[in-house]
Amino acid sequence: MKINKVLLLFNSFLLVAAAFLAGLPFLTLGWEFAGEVWKTLWPAGPFFVLLAVLVNAFVLSNRRLYLMAEEERWADLVDYLKTAFYEKSRGRRGRHLNGYRLKVFIPAAFLAGRSGELEELEAFLKKHQPGLMGRFFLPLGMRRIILRDPQGMEEYFRGALTLRGIRRRKWCLWIYALSLIQLGEGRRAREILTGLSSAGQPLLNLLALYLLHLTGPLEQAGNNHRGQPPAAPEKPRIRRLLKALPPGRFEALKSRAGDDLLLFSLSRLLDEAYAWLTSQKEPGNPEKAV
């Protein structure tokens, strides 16, 4: 089991580090002065012991979870965590419902083909753990994107406009704008996308500008004008993004986001958007938009 090997390596490293720290004064200064140094370094001993106890306790308490994930038993993992969430949490004020386990549960539900479980989890979090609901607002909404349900996306991600404590709020607003476009409400979508196109996150900026391009100039919003040139206010943003996103950086950002469920699901759209962006270069001037 890999987790056992990892734990063994961690404990071995701690033991070697503690032995090195204890032996270094003797090896460099000799017995005469080593005692004085040890009097100064003694707090390191309890620290190493406490660290070892905490890490080992955490790993061993989640050993079944690691084992099922390692063996890719996603359905068993979902059932195991459901028991911890709903049966134990109701009687113990949500002690077993924490961010770490939710990070495992949500992708496991998708991998097990049981994304419907997330609907129950969403209702439970709204009632019992609203703080966690804000933290996992985006991952819990992913099933609506995967199911290609624009109405459901619009109703859910509209919450990003008003709810507090939402992580990655700007990405949630981009999804909301996407749902509006799919529902034929391009003008409302453009109002959101215009702000997001200069949000300081290159991949988000890219997708926002691309959707602005697809919805056509502002006076024609709501229609799909793929052949239209960029509206004048968009050109400076395109020039800045061309400079900020050379091919090497674009690929690096994509690969760094490999474990991000949202960006993974948008990989084709990202490639399409980047191809559009690079097509806006002026011939002979790679940093200037047409």
C-alpha atoms as a PDB file:
ATOM      1  CA  MET A   1       0.000   0.000   0.000  1.00  0.00           C
ATOM      2  CA  LYS A   2       1.532   3.317  -1.087  1.00  0.00           C
ATOM      3  CA  ILE A   3       0.299   5.251   1.918  1.00  0.00           C
ATOM      4  CA  ASN A   4       2.199   2.929   4.248  1.00  0.00           C
ATOM      5  CA  LYS A   5       5.395   3.569   2.284  1.00  0.00           C
ATOM      6  CA  VAL A   6       4.822   7.314   2.401  1.00  0.00           C
ATOM      7  CA  LEU A   7       4.236   7.178   6.152  1.00  0.00           C
ATOM      8  CA  LEU A   8       7.366   5.062   6.632  1.00  0.00           C
ATOM      9  CA  LEU A   9       9.442   7.516   4.617  1.00  0.00           C
ATOM     10  CA  PHE A  10       8.044  10.451   6.587  1.00  0.00           C
ATOM     11  CA  ASN A  11       8.798   8.836   9.943  1.00  0.00           C
ATOM     12  CA  SER A  12      12.285   7.846   8.766  1.00  0.00           C
ATOM     13  CA  PHE A  13      12.966  11.399   7.644  1.00  0.00           C
ATOM     14  CA  LEU A  14      11.835  12.801  10.998  1.00  0.00           C
ATOM     15  CA  LEU A  15      14.027  10.305  12.853  1.00  0.00           C
ATOM     16  CA  VAL A  16      17.091  11.126  10.738  1.00  0.00           C
ATOM     17  CA  ALA A  17      16.462  14.866  11.075  1.00  0.00           C
ATOM     18  CA  ALA A  18      16.107  14.595  14.853  1.00  0.00           C
ATOM     19  CA  ALA A  19      19.274  12.471  15.114  1.00  0.00           C
ATOM     20  CA  PHE A  20      21.200  14.914  12.927  1.00  0.00           C
ATOM     21  CA  LEU A  21      20.039  17.894  14.973  1.00  0.00           C
ATOM     22  CA  ALA A  22      20.979  16.147  18.222  1.00  0.00           C
ATOM     23  CA  GLY A  23      24.361  14.916  16.975  1.00  0.00           C
ATOM     24  CA  LEU A  24      25.550  17.991  15.095  1.00  0.00           C
ATOM     25  CA  PRO A  25      26.680  19.974  18.197  1.00  0.00           C
ATOM     26  CA  PHE A  26      28.748  17.013  19.407  1.00  0.00           C
ATOM     27  CA  LEU A  27      30.329  16.420  15.996  1.00  0.00           C
ATOM     28  CA  THR A  28      31.265  20.071  15.467  1.00  0.00           C
ATOM     29  CA  LEU A  29      31.932  21.346  19.015  1.00  0.00           C
ATOM     30  CA  GLY A  30      32.678  18.237  21.096  1.00  0.00           C
ATOM     31  CA  TRP A  31      31.241  17.182  24.426  1.00  0.00           C
ATOM     32  CA  GLU A  32      32.416  20.295  26.232  1.00  0.00           C
ATOM     33  CA  PHE A  33      30.196  22.700  24.336  1.00  0.00           C
ATOM     34  CA  ALA A  34      27.511  20.337  22.988  1.00  0.00           C
ATOM     35  CA  GLY A  35      25.641  20.379  26.308  1.00  0.00           C
ATOM     36  CA  GLU A  36      25.197  24.153  26.128  1.00  0.00           C
ATOM     37  CA  VAL A  37      23.834  23.911  22.589  1.00  0.00           C
ATOM     38  CA  TRP A  38      21.436  21.115  23.548  1.00  0.00           C
ATOM     39  CA  LYS A  39      20.026  23.309  26.320  1.00  0.00           C
ATOM     40  CA  THR A  40      19.077  25.796  23.619  1.00  0.00           C
ATOM     41  CA  LEU A  41      17.749  23.215  21.152  1.00  0.00           C
ATOM     42  CA  TRP A  42      15.666  21.120  23.559  1.00  0.00           C
ATOM     43  CA  PRO A  43      12.278  22.509  22.329  1.00  0.00           C
ATOM     44  CA  ALA A  44      12.967  20.804  19.002  1.00  0.00           C
ATOM     45  CA  GLY A  45      12.508  17.414  20.669  1.00  0.00           C
ATOM     46  CA  PRO A  46       8.847  17.901  21.697  1.00  0.00           C
ATOM     47  CA  PHE A  47       8.225  19.565  18.332  1.00  0.00           C
ATOM     48  CA  PHE A  48       9.396  16.504  16.390  1.00  0.00           C
ATOM     49  CA  VAL A  49       7.365  14.201  18.638  1.00  0.00           C
ATOM     50  CA  LEU A  50       4.212  16.331  18.288  1.00  0.00           C
ATOM     51  CA  LEU A  51       4.622  16.549  14.502  1.00  0.00           C
ATOM     52  CA  ALA A  52       5.038  12.783  14.210  1.00  0.00           C
ATOM     53  CA  VAL A  53       1.985  12.114  16.400  1.00  0.00           C
ATOM     54  CA  LEU A  54      -0.246  14.549  14.484  1.00  0.00           C
ATOM     55  CA  VAL A  55       0.744  13.344  11.004  1.00  0.00           C
ATOM     56  CA  ASN A  56       0.516   9.662  11.910  1.00  0.00           C
ATOM     57  CA  ALA A  57      -2.846  10.158  13.620  1.00  0.00           C
ATOM     58  CA  PHE A  58      -4.224  12.019  10.595  1.00  0.00           C
ATOM     59  CA  VAL A  59      -3.025   9.426   8.093  1.00  0.00           C
ATOM     60  CA  LEU A  60      -4.146   6.428  10.143  1.00  0.00           C
ATOM     61  CA  SER A  61      -7.589   7.940  10.795  1.00  0.00           C
ATOM     62  CA  ASN A  62      -8.064   8.285   7.023  1.00  0.00           C
ATOM     63  CA  ARG A  63      -6.372   5.012   6.093  1.00  0.00           C
ATOM     64  CA  ARG A  64      -9.525   3.432   4.635  1.00  0.00           C
ATOM     65  CA  LEU A  65     -10.110   6.505   2.522  1.00  0.00           C
ATOM     66  CA  TYR A  66      -6.578   6.378   1.083  1.00  0.00           C
ATOM     67  CA  LEU A  67      -6.841   2.645   0.432  1.00  0.00           C
ATOM     68  CA  MET A  68     -10.074   2.981  -1.560  1.00  0.00           C
ATOM     69  CA  ALA A  69      -8.694   5.924  -3.549  1.00  0.00           C
ATOM     70  CA  GLU A  70      -5.489   4.004  -4.291  1.00  0.00           C
ATOM     71  CA  GLU A  71      -7.505   1.014  -5.541  1.00  0.00           C
ATOM     72  CA  GLU A  72      -9.872   3.335  -7.464  1.00  0.00           C
ATOM     73  CA  ARG A  73     -12.920   1.994  -5.636  1.00  0.00           C
ATOM     74  CA  TRP A  74     -14.801   5.216  -6.174  1.00  0.00           C
ATOM     75  CA  ALA A  75     -18.289   3.884  -5.416  1.00  0.00           C
ATOM     76  CA  ASP A  76     -17.087   2.410  -2.104  1.00  0.00           C
ATOM     77  CA  LEU A  77     -15.360   5.676  -1.305  1.00  0.00           C
ATOM     78  CA  VAL A  78     -18.558   7.648  -1.918  1.00  0.00           C
ATOM     79  CA  ASP A  79     -20.553   5.289   0.321  1.00  0.00           C
ATOM     80  CA  TYR A  80     -17.926   5.452   3.066  1.00  0.00           C
ATOM     81  CA  LEU A  81     -17.873   9.259   3.097  1.00  0.00           C
ATOM     82  CA  LYS A  82     -21.659   9.499   2.904  1.00  0.00           C
ATOM     83  CA  THR A  83     -21.892   7.518   6.114  1.00  0.00           C
ATOM     84  CA  ALA A  84     -19.366   9.841   7.746  1.00  0.00           C
ATOM     85  CA  PHE A  85     -21.162  12.950   6.490  1.00  0.00           C
ATOM     86  CA  TYR A  86     -24.824  12.233   7.118  1.00  0.00           C
ATOM     87  CA  GLU A  87     -25.092   9.625   9.843  1.00  0.00           C
ATOM     88  CA  LYS A  88     -22.254  10.780  12.096  1.00  0.00           C
ATOM     89  CA  SER A  89     -22.473  14.477  11.380  1.00  0.00           C
ATOM     90  CA  ARG A  90     -26.114  14.827  12.364  1.00  0.00           C
ATOM     91  CA  GLY A  91     -25.388  13.567  15.828  1.00  0.00           C
ATOM     92  CA  ARG A  92     -22.051  15.335  16.313  1.00  0.00           C
ATOM     93  CA  ARG A  93     -22.601  18.831  14.883  1.00  0.00           C
ATOM     94  CA  GLY A  94     -20.856  18.131  11.594  1.00  0.00           C
ATOM     95  CA  ARG A  95     -17.540  17.073  13.106  1.00  0.00           C
ATOM     96  CA  HIS A  96     -17.027  14.465  10.365  1.00  0.00           C
ATOM     97  CA  LEU A  97     -17.944  16.871   7.572  1.00  0.00           C
ATOM     98  CA  ASN A  98     -14.800  18.825   6.744  1.00  0.00           C
ATOM     99  CA  GLY A  99     -13.117  20.449   3.781  1.00  0.00           C
ATOM    100  CA  TYR A 100     -10.522  17.723   3.334  1.00  0.00           C
ATOM    101  CA  ARG A 101     -13.123  14.980   2.986  1.00  0.00           C
ATOM    102  CA  LEU A 102     -15.267  17.099   0.693  1.00  0.00           C
ATOM    103  CA  LYS A 103     -12.276  17.595  -1.605  1.00  0.00           C
ATOM    104  CA  VAL A 104     -12.127  13.814  -1.941  1.00  0.00           C
ATOM    105  CA  PHE A 105     -15.872  13.168  -2.083  1.00  0.00           C
ATOM    106  CA  ILE A 106     -16.766  15.518  -4.946  1.00  0.00           C
ATOM    107  CA  PRO A 107     -14.370  14.147  -7.617  1.00  0.00           C
ATOM    108  CA  ALA A 108     -15.018  10.604  -6.369  1.00  0.00           C
ATOM    109  CA  ALA A 109     -18.745  11.100  -7.000  1.00  0.00           C
ATOM    110  CA  PHE A 110     -18.011  12.148 -10.586  1.00  0.00           C
ATOM    111  CA  LEU A 111     -15.598   9.264 -11.144  1.00  0.00           C
ATOM    112  CA  ALA A 112     -18.147   6.797  -9.751  1.00  0.00           C
ATOM    113  CA  GLY A 113     -20.825   8.164 -12.109  1.00  0.00           C
ATOM    114  CA  ARG A 114     -22.886   9.297  -9.119  1.00  0.00           C
ATOM    115  CA  SER A 115     -22.983  13.053  -9.568  1.00  0.00           C
ATOM    116  CA  GLY A 116     -26.573  12.964  -8.283  1.00  0.00           C
ATOM    117  CA  GLU A 117     -25.091  12.455  -4.811  1.00  0.00           C
ATOM    118  CA  LEU A 118     -23.896  16.042  -4.980  1.00  0.00           C
ATOM    119  CA  GLU A 119     -27.468  17.318  -5.022  1.00  0.00           C
ATOM    120  CA  GLU A 120     -28.068  15.740  -1.624  1.00  0.00           C
ATOM    121  CA  LEU A 121     -24.738  17.069  -0.356  1.00  0.00           C
ATOM    122  CA  GLU A 122     -25.582  20.551  -1.597  1.00  0.00           C
ATOM    123  CA  ALA A 123     -28.892  20.578   0.310  1.00  0.00           C
ATOM    124  CA  PHE A 124     -27.180  19.234   3.445  1.00  0.00           C
ATOM    125  CA  LEU A 125     -24.453  21.892   3.365  1.00  0.00           C
ATOM    126  CA  LYS A 126     -26.945  24.716   2.870  1.00  0.00           C
ATOM    127  CA  LYS A 127     -28.784  23.609   5.989  1.00  0.00           C
ATOM    128  CA  HIS A 128     -25.988  22.443   8.290  1.00  0.00           C
ATOM    129  CA  GLN A 129     -22.678  23.899   7.026  1.00  0.00           C
ATOM    130  CA  PRO A 130     -23.256  27.118   5.024  1.00  0.00           C
ATOM    131  CA  GLY A 131     -19.584  28.051   5.413  1.00  0.00           C
ATOM    132  CA  LEU A 132     -18.524  24.925   3.555  1.00  0.00           C
ATOM    133  CA  MET A 133     -21.208  25.618   0.947  1.00  0.00           C
ATOM    134  CA  GLY A 134     -19.440  28.852   0.010  1.00  0.00           C
ATOM    135  CA  ARG A 135     -16.070  27.155  -0.042  1.00  0.00           C
ATOM    136  CA  PHE A 136     -17.286  24.388  -2.385  1.00  0.00           C
ATOM    137  CA  PHE A 137     -19.838  26.420  -4.340  1.00  0.00           C
ATOM    138  CA  LEU A 138     -18.011  25.975  -7.655  1.00  0.00           C
ATOM    139  CA  PRO A 139     -17.236  22.218  -7.405  1.00  0.00           C
ATOM    140  CA  LEU A 140     -20.822  21.477  -6.366  1.00  0.00           C
ATOM    141  CA  GLY A 141     -22.102  23.362  -9.395  1.00  0.00           C
ATOM    142  CA  MET A 142     -19.929  21.394 -11.810  1.00  0.00           C
ATOM    143  CA  ARG A 143     -22.544  18.682 -12.359  1.00  0.00           C
ATOM    144  CA  ARG A 144     -24.785  21.246 -14.082  1.00  0.00           C
ATOM    145  CA  ILE A 145     -21.959  22.038 -16.497  1.00  0.00           C
ATOM    146  CA  ILE A 146     -21.209  18.381 -17.173  1.00  0.00           C
ATOM    147  CA  LEU A 147     -24.928  17.675 -17.729  1.00  0.00           C
ATOM    148  CA  ARG A 148     -25.084  20.689 -20.100  1.00  0.00           C
ATOM    149  CA  ASP A 149     -27.997  22.194 -18.245  1.00  0.00           C
ATOM    150  CA  PRO A 150     -27.914  25.957 -19.007  1.00  0.00           C
ATOM    151  CA  GLN A 151     -31.101  26.645 -17.057  1.00  0.00           C
ATOM    152  CA  GLY A 152     -29.730  24.849 -14.017  1.00  0.00           C
ATOM    153  CA  MET A 153     -26.390  26.660 -14.437  1.00  0.00           C
ATOM    154  CA  GLU A 154     -28.144  30.025 -14.580  1.00  0.00           C
ATOM    155  CA  GLU A 155     -30.256  29.365 -11.496  1.00  0.00           C
ATOM    156  CA  TYR A 156     -27.343  28.009  -9.448  1.00  0.00           C
ATOM    157  CA  PHE A 157     -24.493  30.322 -10.437  1.00  0.00           C
ATOM    158  CA  ARG A 158     -26.697  33.390 -10.150  1.00  0.00           C
ATOM    159  CA  GLY A 159     -25.922  32.962  -6.462  1.00  0.00           C
ATOM    160  CA  ALA A 160     -22.370  34.166  -7.162  1.00  0.00           C
ATOM    161  CA  LEU A 161     -23.823  37.669  -7.532  1.00  0.00           C
ATOM    162  CA  THR A 162     -25.065  37.878  -3.951  1.00  0.00           C
ATOM    163  CA  LEU A 163     -23.881  35.012  -1.715  1.00  0.00           C
ATOM    164  CA  ARG A 164     -20.998  35.673   0.668  1.00  0.00           C
ATOM    165  CA  GLY A 165     -17.858  33.638   1.151  1.00  0.00           C
ATOM    166  CA  ILE A 166     -17.774  32.065  -2.323  1.00  0.00           C
ATOM    167  CA  ARG A 167     -14.353  30.898  -3.418  1.00  0.00           C
ATOM    168  CA  ARG A 168     -13.328  31.571  -7.013  1.00  0.00           C
ATOM    169  CA  ARG A 169     -16.263  33.940  -7.363  1.00  0.00           C
ATOM    170  CA  LYS A 170     -15.010  35.343 -10.675  1.00  0.00           C
ATOM    171  CA  TRP A 171     -14.991  31.892 -12.256  1.00  0.00           C
ATOM    172  CA  CYS A 172     -18.527  31.351 -10.966  1.00  0.00           C
ATOM    173  CA  LEU A 173     -19.566  34.627 -12.593  1.00  0.00           C
ATOM    174  CA  TRP A 174     -17.990  33.499 -15.879  1.00  0.00           C
ATOM    175  CA  ILE A 175     -20.047  30.297 -15.763  1.00  0.00           C
ATOM    176  CA  TYR A 176     -23.139  32.394 -15.018  1.00  0.00           C
ATOM    177  CA  ALA A 177     -22.384  34.540 -18.069  1.00  0.00           C
ATOM    178  CA  LEU A 178     -21.907  31.404 -20.178  1.00  0.00           C
ATOM    179  CA  SER A 179     -25.328  30.135 -19.105  1.00  0.00           C
ATOM    180  CA  LEU A 180     -26.892  33.479 -20.023  1.00  0.00           C
ATOM    181  CA  ILE A 181     -25.388  33.248 -23.521  1.00  0.00           C
ATOM    182  CA  GLN A 182     -26.737  29.709 -23.911  1.00  0.00           C
ATOM    183  CA  LEU A 183     -30.169  31.009 -22.886  1.00  0.00           C
ATOM    184  CA  GLY A 184     -29.995  33.823 -25.452  1.00  0.00           C
ATOM    185  CA  GLU A 185     -29.369  36.666 -22.994  1.00  0.00           C
ATOM    186  CA  GLY A 186     -26.164  37.970 -24.534  1.00  0.00           C
ATOM    187  CA  ARG A 187     -26.503  41.567 -23.365  1.00  0.00           C
ATOM    188  CA  ARG A 188     -26.659  40.613 -19.676  1.00  0.00           C
ATOM    189  CA  ALA A 189     -23.749  38.230 -20.208  1.00  0.00           C
ATOM    190  CA  ARG A 190     -21.589  40.931 -21.788  1.00  0.00           C
ATOM    191  CA  GLU A 191     -22.020  43.220 -18.796  1.00  0.00           C
ATOM    192  CA  ILE A 192     -20.443  40.523 -16.599  1.00  0.00           C
ATOM    193  CA  LEU A 193     -17.817  39.430 -19.123  1.00  0.00           C
ATOM    194  CA  THR A 194     -16.572  42.975 -19.704  1.00  0.00           C
ATOM    195  CA  GLY A 195     -15.543  43.184 -16.062  1.00  0.00           C
ATOM    196  CA  LEU A 196     -14.022  39.705 -16.076  1.00  0.00           C
ATOM    197  CA  SER A 197     -11.945  40.381 -19.190  1.00  0.00           C
ATOM    198  CA  SER A 198      -9.537  42.455 -17.077  1.00  0.00           C
ATOM    199  CA  ALA A 199      -9.780  40.401 -13.877  1.00  0.00           C
ATOM    200  CA  GLY A 200      -6.028  39.775 -13.578  1.00  0.00           C
ATOM    201  CA  GLN A 201      -6.267  36.018 -14.197  1.00  0.00           C
ATOM    202  CA  PRO A 202      -4.947  35.217 -17.705  1.00  0.00           C
ATOM    203  CA  LEU A 203      -7.042  32.113 -18.417  1.00  0.00           C
ATOM    204  CA  LEU A 204     -10.197  33.764 -17.083  1.00  0.00           C
ATOM    205  CA  ASN A 205      -9.416  36.917 -19.075  1.00  0.00           C
ATOM    206  CA  LEU A 206      -8.953  34.805 -22.190  1.00  0.00           C
ATOM    207  CA  LEU A 207     -12.278  32.994 -21.834  1.00  0.00           C
ATOM    208  CA  ALA A 208     -14.129  36.211 -21.008  1.00  0.00           C
ATOM    209  CA  LEU A 209     -12.739  37.961 -24.096  1.00  0.00           C
ATOM    210  CA  TYR A 210     -13.550  34.947 -26.250  1.00  0.00           C
ATOM    211  CA  LEU A 211     -17.175  34.897 -25.123  1.00  0.00           C
ATOM    212  CA  LEU A 212     -17.354  38.646 -25.755  1.00  0.00           C
ATOM    213  CA  HIS A 213     -16.111  37.926 -29.275  1.00  0.00           C
ATOM    214  CA  LEU A 214     -18.701  35.189 -29.799  1.00  0.00           C
ATOM    215  CA  THR A 215     -21.579  37.389 -28.692  1.00  0.00           C
ATOM    216  CA  GLY A 216     -20.627  40.142 -31.148  1.00  0.00           C
ATOM    217  CA  PRO A 217     -20.336  43.900 -30.657  1.00  0.00           C
ATOM    218  CA  LEU A 218     -22.234  45.414 -27.741  1.00  0.00           C
ATOM    219  CA  GLU A 219     -24.905  47.061 -29.866  1.00  0.00           C
ATOM    220  CA  GLN A 220     -25.679  43.629 -31.355  1.00  0.00           C
ATOM    221  CA  ALA A 221     -25.450  41.651 -28.094  1.00  0.00           C
ATOM    222  CA  GLY A 222     -27.676  38.632 -27.929  1.00  0.00           C
ATOM    223  CA  ASN A 223     -26.768  37.597 -31.464  1.00  0.00           C
ATOM    224  CA  ASN A 224     -23.879  35.337 -32.344  1.00  0.00           C
ATOM    225  CA  HIS A 225     -21.433  37.076 -34.684  1.00  0.00           C
ATOM    226  CA  ARG A 226     -18.392  34.830 -34.865  1.00  0.00           C
ATOM    227  CA  GLY A 227     -17.108  36.644 -37.947  1.00  0.00           C
ATOM    228  CA  GLN A 228     -17.219  40.136 -36.439  1.00  0.00           C
ATOM    229  CA  PRO A 229     -13.941  41.895 -35.584  1.00  0.00           C
ATOM    230  CA  PRO A 230     -13.411  42.798 -31.915  1.00  0.00           C
ATOM    231  CA  ALA A 231     -15.225  45.892 -30.663  1.00  0.00           C
ATOM    232  CA  ALA A 232     -12.896  48.871 -30.151  1.00  0.00           C
ATOM    233  CA  PRO A 233     -12.920  48.751 -26.297  1.00  0.00           C
ATOM    234  CA  GLU A 234     -11.830  45.097 -26.458  1.00  0.00           C
ATOM    235  CA  LYS A 235      -8.684  45.706 -28.533  1.00  0.00           C
ATOM    236  CA  PRO A 236      -6.511  47.079 -25.682  1.00  0.00           C
ATOM    237  CA  ARG A 237      -7.445  44.071 -23.541  1.00  0.00           C
ATOM    238  CA  ILE A 238      -6.561  41.727 -26.400  1.00  0.00           C
ATOM    239  CA  ARG A 239      -3.183  43.439 -26.847  1.00  0.00           C
ATOM    240  CA  ARG A 240      -2.421  43.137 -23.126  1.00  0.00           C
ATOM    241  CA  LEU A 241      -3.430  39.492 -23.099  1.00  0.00           C
ATOM    242  CA  LEU A 242      -1.316  38.696 -26.182  1.00  0.00           C
ATOM    243  CA  LYS A 243       1.661  40.111 -24.308  1.00  0.00           C
ATOM    244  CA  ALA A 244       0.803  38.312 -21.035  1.00  0.00           C
ATOM    245  CA  LEU A 245       0.032  34.928 -22.630  1.00  0.00           C
ATOM    246  CA  PRO A 246       2.786  33.782 -24.997  1.00  0.00           C
ATOM    247  CA  PRO A 247       2.400  30.134 -26.067  1.00  0.00           C
ATOM    248  CA  GLY A 248       4.815  28.840 -23.435  1.00  0.00           C
ATOM    249  CA  ARG A 249       2.986  30.498 -20.557  1.00  0.00           C
ATOM    250  CA  PHE A 250      -0.413  29.415 -21.853  1.00  0.00           C
ATOM    251  CA  GLU A 251       0.686  25.780 -21.938  1.00  0.00           C
ATOM    252  CA  ALA A 252       2.293  26.106 -18.500  1.00  0.00           C
ATOM    253  CA  LEU A 253      -0.899  27.524 -16.973  1.00  0.00           C
ATOM    254  CA  LYS A 254      -2.960  24.776 -18.582  1.00  0.00           C
ATOM    255  CA  SER A 255      -0.694  22.007 -17.328  1.00  0.00           C
ATOM    256  CA  ARG A 256      -0.561  23.540 -13.829  1.00  0.00           C
ATOM    257  CA  ALA A 257      -4.356  23.440 -13.731  1.00  0.00           C
ATOM    258  CA  GLY A 258      -4.451  19.741 -14.664  1.00  0.00           C
ATOM    259  CA  ASP A 259      -6.136  18.721 -11.405  1.00  0.00           C
ATOM    260  CA  ASP A 260      -8.729  21.491 -11.632  1.00  0.00           C
ATOM    261  CA  LEU A 261     -12.042  19.895 -12.599  1.00  0.00           C
ATOM    262  CA  LEU A 262     -13.428  23.101 -14.111  1.00  0.00           C
ATOM    263  CA  LEU A 263     -10.403  23.888 -16.274  1.00  0.00           C
ATOM    264  CA  PHE A 264     -10.116  20.243 -17.293  1.00  0.00           C
ATOM    265  CA  SER A 265     -13.711  20.324 -18.543  1.00  0.00           C
ATOM    266  CA  LEU A 266     -12.971  23.598 -20.388  1.00  0.00           C
ATOM    267  CA  SER A 267      -9.718  22.428 -22.014  1.00  0.00           C
ATOM    268  CA  ARG A 268     -11.156  22.331 -25.543  1.00  0.00           C
ATOM    269  CA  LEU A 269     -12.721  25.765 -25.136  1.00  0.00           C
ATOM    270  CA  LEU A 270      -9.423  27.110 -23.814  1.00  0.00           C
ATOM    271  CA  ASP A 271      -7.590  25.807 -26.877  1.00  0.00           C
ATOM    272  CA  GLU A 272     -10.240  27.285 -29.152  1.00  0.00           C
ATOM    273  CA  ALA A 273     -10.054  30.630 -27.322  1.00  0.00           C
ATOM    274  CA  TYR A 274      -6.262  30.733 -27.528  1.00  0.00           C
ATOM    275  CA  ALA A 275      -6.335  29.964 -31.245  1.00  0.00           C
ATOM    276  CA  TRP A 276      -8.707  32.910 -31.653  1.00  0.00           C
ATOM    277  CA  LEU A 277      -6.468  35.153 -29.526  1.00  0.00           C
ATOM    278  CA  THR A 278      -3.362  34.396 -31.566  1.00  0.00           C
ATOM    279  CA  SER A 279      -5.330  35.057 -34.762  1.00  0.00           C
ATOM    280  CA  GLN A 280      -5.771  38.665 -33.587  1.00  0.00           C
ATOM    281  CA  LYS A 281      -2.062  39.454 -33.984  1.00  0.00           C
ATOM    282  CA  GLU A 282      -1.129  41.966 -36.629  1.00  0.00           C
ATOM    283  CA  PRO A 283       1.183  40.515 -39.299  1.00  0.00           C
ATOM    284  CA  GLY A 284       4.752  41.369 -38.314  1.00  0.00           C
ATOM    285  CA  ASN A 285       3.704  42.684 -34.880  1.00  0.00           C
ATOM    286  CA  PRO A 286       3.011  39.780 -32.499  1.00  0.00           C
ATOM    287  CA  GLU A 287       2.016  42.014 -29.590  1.00  0.00           C
ATOM    288  CA  LYS A 288      -0.527  44.184 -31.379  1.00  0.00           C
ATOM    289  CA  ALA A 289      -4.129  43.220 -32.080  1.00  0.00           C
ATOM    290  CA  VAL A 290      -5.717  43.636 -35.474  1.00  0.00           C
END
